[in-house]
Full PDB file with SEQRES, HELIX, SHEET, SSBOND, CRYST1, ORIGX, SCALE, CONECT and MASTER records, all heavy atoms in Angstrom:
SEQRES   1 A   29  PHE THR ALA GLY PHE THR ARG PRO ASP SER PRO ASP THR          
SEQRES   2 A   29  LEU PHE VAL TRP GLN THR ALA VAL SER PRO LEU TRP GLN          
SEQRES   3 A   29  GLY VAL GLY                                                  
HELIX    1 AA1 PRO A   23  TRP A   25  5                                   3    
SHEET    1 AA1 2 THR A   2  THR A   6  0                                        
SHEET    2 AA1 2 LEU A  14  THR A  19 -1                                        
CRYST1    1.000    1.000    1.000  90.00  90.00  90.00 P 1           1          
ORIGX1      1.000000  0.000000  0.000000        0.00000                         
ORIGX2      0.000000  1.000000  0.000000        0.00000                         
ORIGX3      0.000000  0.000000  1.000000        0.00000                         
SCALE1      1.000000  0.000000  0.000000        0.00000                         
SCALE2      0.000000  1.000000  0.000000        0.00000                         
SCALE3      0.000000  0.000000  1.000000        0.00000                         
ATOM      1  N   PHE A   1      97.797 113.403  81.734  1.00  0.00           N  
ATOM      2  CA  PHE A   1      98.405 114.690  81.595  1.00  0.00           C  
ATOM      3  C   PHE A   1      98.607 114.985  80.157  1.00  0.00           C  
ATOM      4  O   PHE A   1      98.605 114.123  79.207  1.00  0.00           O  
ATOM      5  CB  PHE A   1      99.860 114.690  82.278  1.00  0.00           C  
ATOM      6  CG  PHE A   1     100.928 113.977  81.578  1.00  0.00           C  
ATOM      7  CD1 PHE A   1     101.715 114.469  80.507  1.00  0.00           C  
ATOM      8  CD2 PHE A   1     101.177 112.693  81.861  1.00  0.00           C  
ATOM      9  CE1 PHE A   1     102.665 113.822  79.861  1.00  0.00           C  
ATOM     10  CE2 PHE A   1     102.183 112.019  81.227  1.00  0.00           C  
ATOM     11  CZ  PHE A   1     102.826 112.530  80.278  1.00  0.00           C  
ATOM     12  N   THR A   2      98.598 116.216  79.823  1.00  0.00           N  
ATOM     13  CA  THR A   2      99.030 116.808  78.473  1.00  0.00           C  
ATOM     14  C   THR A   2     100.229 117.745  78.695  1.00  0.00           C  
ATOM     15  O   THR A   2     100.173 118.547  79.432  1.00  0.00           O  
ATOM     16  CB  THR A   2      97.892 117.422  77.820  1.00  0.00           C  
ATOM     17  OG1 THR A   2      96.828 116.558  77.577  1.00  0.00           O  
ATOM     18  CG2 THR A   2      98.341 118.081  76.506  1.00  0.00           C  
ATOM     19  N   ALA A   3     101.279 117.360  78.077  1.00  0.00           N  
ATOM     20  CA  ALA A   3     102.492 118.215  78.049  1.00  0.00           C  
ATOM     21  C   ALA A   3     102.549 119.074  76.887  1.00  0.00           C  
ATOM     22  O   ALA A   3     102.552 118.392  75.749  1.00  0.00           O  
ATOM     23  CB  ALA A   3     103.802 117.334  78.299  1.00  0.00           C  
ATOM     24  N   GLY A   4     102.512 120.302  76.918  1.00  0.00           N  
ATOM     25  CA  GLY A   4     102.628 121.161  75.741  1.00  0.00           C  
ATOM     26  C   GLY A   4     103.506 122.280  75.886  1.00  0.00           C  
ATOM     27  O   GLY A   4     104.079 122.602  76.971  1.00  0.00           O  
ATOM     28  N   PHE A   5     103.736 123.029  74.830  1.00  0.00           N  
ATOM     29  CA  PHE A   5     104.553 124.167  74.827  1.00  0.00           C  
ATOM     30  C   PHE A   5     104.159 125.156  73.821  1.00  0.00           C  
ATOM     31  O   PHE A   5     103.395 124.757  72.824  1.00  0.00           O  
ATOM     32  CB  PHE A   5     106.000 123.944  74.704  1.00  0.00           C  
ATOM     33  CG  PHE A   5     106.507 123.345  73.470  1.00  0.00           C  
ATOM     34  CD1 PHE A   5     106.704 124.160  72.262  1.00  0.00           C  
ATOM     35  CD2 PHE A   5     106.550 121.952  73.230  1.00  0.00           C  
ATOM     36  CE1 PHE A   5     107.139 123.565  71.084  1.00  0.00           C  
ATOM     37  CE2 PHE A   5     106.937 121.429  72.046  1.00  0.00           C  
ATOM     38  CZ  PHE A   5     107.324 122.257  70.943  1.00  0.00           C  
ATOM     39  N   THR A   6     104.301 126.437  74.054  1.00  0.00           N  
ATOM     40  CA  THR A   6     104.011 127.411  73.205  1.00  0.00           C  
ATOM     41  C   THR A   6     105.101 127.594  72.122  1.00  0.00           C  
ATOM     42  O   THR A   6     106.245 127.673  72.484  1.00  0.00           O  
ATOM     43  CB  THR A   6     103.737 128.846  73.824  1.00  0.00           C  
ATOM     44  OG1 THR A   6     102.805 128.704  74.861  1.00  0.00           O  
ATOM     45  CG2 THR A   6     103.346 129.915  72.813  1.00  0.00           C  
ATOM     46  N   ARG A   7     104.636 127.487  70.863  1.00  0.00           N  
ATOM     47  CA  ARG A   7     105.665 127.603  69.769  1.00  0.00           C  
ATOM     48  C   ARG A   7     106.478 128.941  69.955  1.00  0.00           C  
ATOM     49  O   ARG A   7     105.823 130.026  69.841  1.00  0.00           O  
ATOM     50  CB  ARG A   7     105.002 127.455  68.341  1.00  0.00           C  
ATOM     51  CG  ARG A   7     104.432 126.193  67.970  1.00  0.00           C  
ATOM     52  CD  ARG A   7     105.375 125.264  67.348  1.00  0.00           C  
ATOM     53  NE  ARG A   7     106.113 125.912  66.297  1.00  0.00           N  
ATOM     54  CZ  ARG A   7     105.732 125.943  64.945  1.00  0.00           C  
ATOM     55  NH1 ARG A   7     104.623 125.564  64.622  1.00  0.00           N  
ATOM     56  NH2 ARG A   7     106.529 126.589  64.106  1.00  0.00           N  
ATOM     57  N   PRO A   8     107.711 128.900  69.889  1.00  0.00           N  
ATOM     58  CA  PRO A   8     108.549 130.083  70.150  1.00  0.00           C  
ATOM     59  C   PRO A   8     108.283 131.180  68.975  1.00  0.00           C  
ATOM     60  O   PRO A   8     108.189 132.418  69.151  1.00  0.00           O  
ATOM     61  CB  PRO A   8     110.016 129.687  70.160  1.00  0.00           C  
ATOM     62  CG  PRO A   8     109.927 128.222  70.547  1.00  0.00           C  
ATOM     63  CD  PRO A   8     108.594 127.819  70.077  1.00  0.00           C  
ATOM     64  N   ASP A   9     108.106 130.659  67.777  1.00  0.00           N  
ATOM     65  CA  ASP A   9     107.828 131.587  66.576  1.00  0.00           C  
ATOM     66  C   ASP A   9     106.464 131.880  66.293  1.00  0.00           C  
ATOM     67  O   ASP A   9     106.046 132.451  65.388  1.00  0.00           O  
ATOM     68  CB  ASP A   9     108.664 131.039  65.347  1.00  0.00           C  
ATOM     69  CG  ASP A   9     108.047 129.685  64.909  1.00  0.00           C  
ATOM     70  OD1 ASP A   9     107.341 129.040  65.757  1.00  0.00           O  
ATOM     71  OD2 ASP A   9     108.371 129.291  63.774  1.00  0.00           O  
ATOM     72  N   SER A  10     105.515 131.280  67.130  1.00  0.00           N  
ATOM     73  CA  SER A  10     104.024 131.403  66.922  1.00  0.00           C  
ATOM     74  C   SER A  10     103.428 131.272  68.335  1.00  0.00           C  
ATOM     75  O   SER A  10     102.848 130.296  68.731  1.00  0.00           O  
ATOM     76  CB  SER A  10     103.612 130.270  66.015  1.00  0.00           C  
ATOM     77  OG  SER A  10     102.344 130.370  65.640  1.00  0.00           O  
ATOM     78  N   PRO A  11     103.293 132.496  68.996  1.00  0.00           N  
ATOM     79  CA  PRO A  11     102.779 132.441  70.397  1.00  0.00           C  
ATOM     80  C   PRO A  11     101.321 132.203  70.496  1.00  0.00           C  
ATOM     81  O   PRO A  11     100.879 131.745  71.569  1.00  0.00           O  
ATOM     82  CB  PRO A  11     103.029 133.875  70.981  1.00  0.00           C  
ATOM     83  CG  PRO A  11     103.451 134.596  69.746  1.00  0.00           C  
ATOM     84  CD  PRO A  11     103.893 133.746  68.663  1.00  0.00           C  
ATOM     85  N   ASP A  12     100.584 132.129  69.351  1.00  0.00           N  
ATOM     86  CA  ASP A  12      99.209 131.649  69.384  1.00  0.00           C  
ATOM     87  C   ASP A  12      99.017 130.243  69.189  1.00  0.00           C  
ATOM     88  O   ASP A  12      97.928 129.752  69.019  1.00  0.00           O  
ATOM     89  CB  ASP A  12      98.430 132.481  68.414  1.00  0.00           C  
ATOM     90  CG  ASP A  12      98.744 132.307  66.921  1.00  0.00           C  
ATOM     91  OD1 ASP A  12      99.799 131.589  66.697  1.00  0.00           O  
ATOM     92  OD2 ASP A  12      98.013 132.708  66.147  1.00  0.00           O  
ATOM     93  N   THR A  13     100.143 129.478  69.080  1.00  0.00           N  
ATOM     94  CA  THR A  13     100.061 128.023  68.828  1.00  0.00           C  
ATOM     95  C   THR A  13     100.560 127.103  69.937  1.00  0.00           C  
ATOM     96  O   THR A  13     101.699 127.412  70.417  1.00  0.00           O  
ATOM     97  CB  THR A  13     100.842 127.690  67.558  1.00  0.00           C  
ATOM     98  OG1 THR A  13     100.331 128.431  66.463  1.00  0.00           O  
ATOM     99  CG2 THR A  13     100.760 126.201  67.196  1.00  0.00           C  
ATOM    100  N   LEU A  14      99.719 126.214  70.438  1.00  0.00           N  
ATOM    101  CA  LEU A  14     100.194 125.243  71.476  1.00  0.00           C  
ATOM    102  C   LEU A  14     100.549 123.968  70.701  1.00  0.00           C  
ATOM    103  O   LEU A  14      99.756 123.410  69.985  1.00  0.00           O  
ATOM    104  CB  LEU A  14      98.957 124.842  72.427  1.00  0.00           C  
ATOM    105  CG  LEU A  14      99.306 123.840  73.379  1.00  0.00           C  
ATOM    106  CD1 LEU A  14     100.190 124.288  74.512  1.00  0.00           C  
ATOM    107  CD2 LEU A  14      97.910 123.233  74.021  1.00  0.00           C  
ATOM    108  N   PHE A  15     101.800 123.554  71.013  1.00  0.00           N  
ATOM    109  CA  PHE A  15     102.249 122.335  70.475  1.00  0.00           C  
ATOM    110  C   PHE A  15     102.103 121.280  71.512  1.00  0.00           C  
ATOM    111  O   PHE A  15     102.700 121.453  72.625  1.00  0.00           O  
ATOM    112  CB  PHE A  15     103.739 122.352  70.025  1.00  0.00           C  
ATOM    113  CG  PHE A  15     104.137 121.136  69.314  1.00  0.00           C  
ATOM    114  CD1 PHE A  15     103.979 120.940  67.925  1.00  0.00           C  
ATOM    115  CD2 PHE A  15     104.474 120.024  70.091  1.00  0.00           C  
ATOM    116  CE1 PHE A  15     104.288 119.838  67.222  1.00  0.00           C  
ATOM    117  CE2 PHE A  15     104.829 118.778  69.408  1.00  0.00           C  
ATOM    118  CZ  PHE A  15     104.756 118.710  67.998  1.00  0.00           C  
ATOM    119  N   VAL A  16     101.322 120.178  71.229  1.00  0.00           N  
ATOM    120  CA  VAL A  16     101.024 119.129  72.300  1.00  0.00           C  
ATOM    121  C   VAL A  16     102.154 118.160  72.038  1.00  0.00           C  
ATOM    122  O   VAL A  16     102.221 117.453  71.062  1.00  0.00           O  
ATOM    123  CB  VAL A  16      99.716 118.545  72.146  1.00  0.00           C  
ATOM    124  CG1 VAL A  16      99.462 117.311  73.013  1.00  0.00           C  
ATOM    125  CG2 VAL A  16      98.601 119.605  72.305  1.00  0.00           C  
ATOM    126  N   TRP A  17     103.025 118.114  73.018  1.00  0.00           N  
ATOM    127  CA  TRP A  17     104.185 117.157  72.979  1.00  0.00           C  
ATOM    128  C   TRP A  17     103.699 115.763  73.257  1.00  0.00           C  
ATOM    129  O   TRP A  17     104.075 114.757  72.648  1.00  0.00           O  
ATOM    130  CB  TRP A  17     105.261 117.597  73.943  1.00  0.00           C  
ATOM    131  CG  TRP A  17     106.359 116.611  73.974  1.00  0.00           C  
ATOM    132  CD1 TRP A  17     106.556 115.628  74.905  1.00  0.00           C  
ATOM    133  CD2 TRP A  17     107.388 116.421  72.994  1.00  0.00           C  
ATOM    134  NE1 TRP A  17     107.699 114.905  74.670  1.00  0.00           N  
ATOM    135  CE2 TRP A  17     108.249 115.449  73.485  1.00  0.00           C  
ATOM    136  CE3 TRP A  17     107.707 117.189  71.820  1.00  0.00           C  
ATOM    137  CZ2 TRP A  17     109.389 115.076  72.764  1.00  0.00           C  
ATOM    138  CZ3 TRP A  17     108.853 116.723  71.196  1.00  0.00           C  
ATOM    139  CH2 TRP A  17     109.604 115.729  71.584  1.00  0.00           C  
ATOM    140  N   GLN A  18     102.884 115.595  74.375  1.00  0.00           N  
ATOM    141  CA  GLN A  18     102.513 114.293  74.726  1.00  0.00           C  
ATOM    142  C   GLN A  18     101.250 114.277  75.626  1.00  0.00           C  
ATOM    143  O   GLN A  18     101.142 115.141  76.465  1.00  0.00           O  
ATOM    144  CB  GLN A  18     103.633 113.695  75.579  1.00  0.00           C  
ATOM    145  CG  GLN A  18     103.765 112.170  75.696  1.00  0.00           C  
ATOM    146  CD  GLN A  18     105.054 111.684  76.250  1.00  0.00           C  
ATOM    147  OE1 GLN A  18     105.582 112.181  77.280  1.00  0.00           O  
ATOM    148  NE2 GLN A  18     105.557 110.687  75.598  1.00  0.00           N  
ATOM    149  N   THR A  19     100.319 113.317  75.406  1.00  0.00           N  
ATOM    150  CA  THR A  19      99.122 113.197  76.170  1.00  0.00           C  
ATOM    151  C   THR A  19      99.164 111.657  76.678  1.00  0.00           C  
ATOM    152  O   THR A  19      99.317 110.807  75.775  1.00  0.00           O  
ATOM    153  CB  THR A  19      97.884 113.463  75.369  1.00  0.00           C  
ATOM    154  OG1 THR A  19      97.949 114.854  75.096  1.00  0.00           O  
ATOM    155  CG2 THR A  19      96.621 113.211  76.269  1.00  0.00           C  
ATOM    156  N   ALA A  20      98.937 111.468  77.868  1.00  0.00           N  
ATOM    157  CA  ALA A  20      98.821 110.092  78.449  1.00  0.00           C  
ATOM    158  C   ALA A  20      97.665 110.070  79.358  1.00  0.00           C  
ATOM    159  O   ALA A  20      97.478 111.050  80.179  1.00  0.00           O  
ATOM    160  CB  ALA A  20     100.108 109.725  79.121  1.00  0.00           C  
ATOM    161  N   VAL A  21      96.944 109.057  79.381  1.00  0.00           N  
ATOM    162  CA  VAL A  21      95.855 108.823  80.226  1.00  0.00           C  
ATOM    163  C   VAL A  21      95.877 107.443  80.777  1.00  0.00           C  
ATOM    164  O   VAL A  21      96.086 106.446  79.959  1.00  0.00           O  
ATOM    165  CB  VAL A  21      94.464 109.102  79.500  1.00  0.00           C  
ATOM    166  CG1 VAL A  21      93.263 108.739  80.385  1.00  0.00           C  
ATOM    167  CG2 VAL A  21      94.268 110.460  78.931  1.00  0.00           C  
ATOM    168  N   SER A  22      95.803 107.300  82.005  1.00  0.00           N  
ATOM    169  CA  SER A  22      95.740 106.001  82.674  1.00  0.00           C  
ATOM    170  C   SER A  22      94.790 105.097  82.136  1.00  0.00           C  
ATOM    171  O   SER A  22      93.609 105.571  81.794  1.00  0.00           O  
ATOM    172  CB  SER A  22      95.553 106.152  84.221  1.00  0.00           C  
ATOM    173  OG  SER A  22      95.165 104.849  84.726  1.00  0.00           O  
ATOM    174  N   PRO A  23      95.012 103.795  81.939  1.00  0.00           N  
ATOM    175  CA  PRO A  23      93.923 102.884  81.396  1.00  0.00           C  
ATOM    176  C   PRO A  23      92.639 103.038  82.136  1.00  0.00           C  
ATOM    177  O   PRO A  23      91.530 102.861  81.507  1.00  0.00           O  
ATOM    178  CB  PRO A  23      94.662 101.493  81.543  1.00  0.00           C  
ATOM    179  CG  PRO A  23      96.018 101.758  81.505  1.00  0.00           C  
ATOM    180  CD  PRO A  23      96.243 103.188  82.176  1.00  0.00           C  
ATOM    181  N   LEU A  24      92.649 103.187  83.390  1.00  0.00           N  
ATOM    182  CA  LEU A  24      91.369 103.295  84.222  1.00  0.00           C  
ATOM    183  C   LEU A  24      90.516 104.505  83.758  1.00  0.00           C  
ATOM    184  O   LEU A  24      89.334 104.469  83.870  1.00  0.00           O  
ATOM    185  CB  LEU A  24      91.736 103.570  85.693  1.00  0.00           C  
ATOM    186  CG  LEU A  24      90.630 103.666  86.561  1.00  0.00           C  
ATOM    187  CD1 LEU A  24      89.740 102.507  86.755  1.00  0.00           C  
ATOM    188  CD2 LEU A  24      91.136 103.985  88.074  1.00  0.00           C  
ATOM    189  N   TRP A  25      91.211 105.491  83.178  1.00  0.00           N  
ATOM    190  CA  TRP A  25      90.456 106.733  82.848  1.00  0.00           C  
ATOM    191  C   TRP A  25      90.284 106.904  81.353  1.00  0.00           C  
ATOM    192  O   TRP A  25      89.699 107.860  80.862  1.00  0.00           O  
ATOM    193  CB  TRP A  25      91.268 107.932  83.427  1.00  0.00           C  
ATOM    194  CG  TRP A  25      91.126 107.928  84.874  1.00  0.00           C  
ATOM    195  CD1 TRP A  25      91.905 107.400  85.872  1.00  0.00           C  
ATOM    196  CD2 TRP A  25      90.101 108.612  85.620  1.00  0.00           C  
ATOM    197  NE1 TRP A  25      91.496 107.621  87.046  1.00  0.00           N  
ATOM    198  CE2 TRP A  25      90.350 108.319  87.047  1.00  0.00           C  
ATOM    199  CE3 TRP A  25      88.921 109.246  85.306  1.00  0.00           C  
ATOM    200  CZ2 TRP A  25      89.470 108.726  88.034  1.00  0.00           C  
ATOM    201  CZ3 TRP A  25      88.071 109.725  86.378  1.00  0.00           C  
ATOM    202  CH2 TRP A  25      88.372 109.436  87.629  1.00  0.00           C  
ATOM    203  N   GLN A  26      90.673 105.873  80.551  1.00  0.00           N  
ATOM    204  CA  GLN A  26      90.387 106.006  79.152  1.00  0.00           C  
ATOM    205  C   GLN A  26      89.055 105.775  78.795  1.00  0.00           C  
ATOM    206  O   GLN A  26      88.293 104.999  79.399  1.00  0.00           O  
ATOM    207  CB  GLN A  26      91.323 105.007  78.436  1.00  0.00           C  
ATOM    208  CG  GLN A  26      92.788 105.301  78.515  1.00  0.00           C  
ATOM    209  CD  GLN A  26      93.787 104.354  77.911  1.00  0.00           C  
ATOM    210  OE1 GLN A  26      93.448 103.416  77.318  1.00  0.00           O  
ATOM    211  NE2 GLN A  26      94.991 104.663  78.089  1.00  0.00           N  
ATOM    212  N   GLY A  27      88.494 106.514  77.727  1.00  0.00           N  
ATOM    213  CA  GLY A  27      87.127 106.238  77.319  1.00  0.00           C  
ATOM    214  C   GLY A  27      86.195 107.035  77.944  1.00  0.00           C  
ATOM    215  O   GLY A  27      84.968 106.847  77.754  1.00  0.00           O  
ATOM    216  N   VAL A  28      86.556 108.014  78.805  1.00  0.00           N  
ATOM    217  CA  VAL A  28      85.513 108.887  79.475  1.00  0.00           C  
ATOM    218  C   VAL A  28      85.712 110.327  79.174  1.00  0.00           C  
ATOM    219  O   VAL A  28      85.211 111.193  79.854  1.00  0.00           O  
ATOM    220  CB  VAL A  28      85.562 108.715  81.097  1.00  0.00           C  
ATOM    221  CG1 VAL A  28      85.175 107.275  81.467  1.00  0.00           C  
ATOM    222  CG2 VAL A  28      86.977 109.003  81.655  1.00  0.00           C  
ATOM    223  N   GLY A  29      86.548 110.571  78.156  1.00  0.00           N  
ATOM    224  CA  GLY A  29      86.709 111.944  77.689  1.00  0.00           C  
ATOM    225  C   GLY A  29      87.707 112.782  78.416  1.00  0.00           C  
ATOM    226  O   GLY A  29      87.727 114.010  78.154  1.00  0.00           O  
TER     227      GLY A  29                                                      
MASTER        0    0    0    1    2    0    0    6  226    1    0    3          
END                                                                             
């Protein structure tokens, strides 16, 4: 998953809070 939010003072900016990928799925893009 990637958890993000739109910056309140900058609606054209996505702030990526956290990205996690299961070890099984790492390294495949």
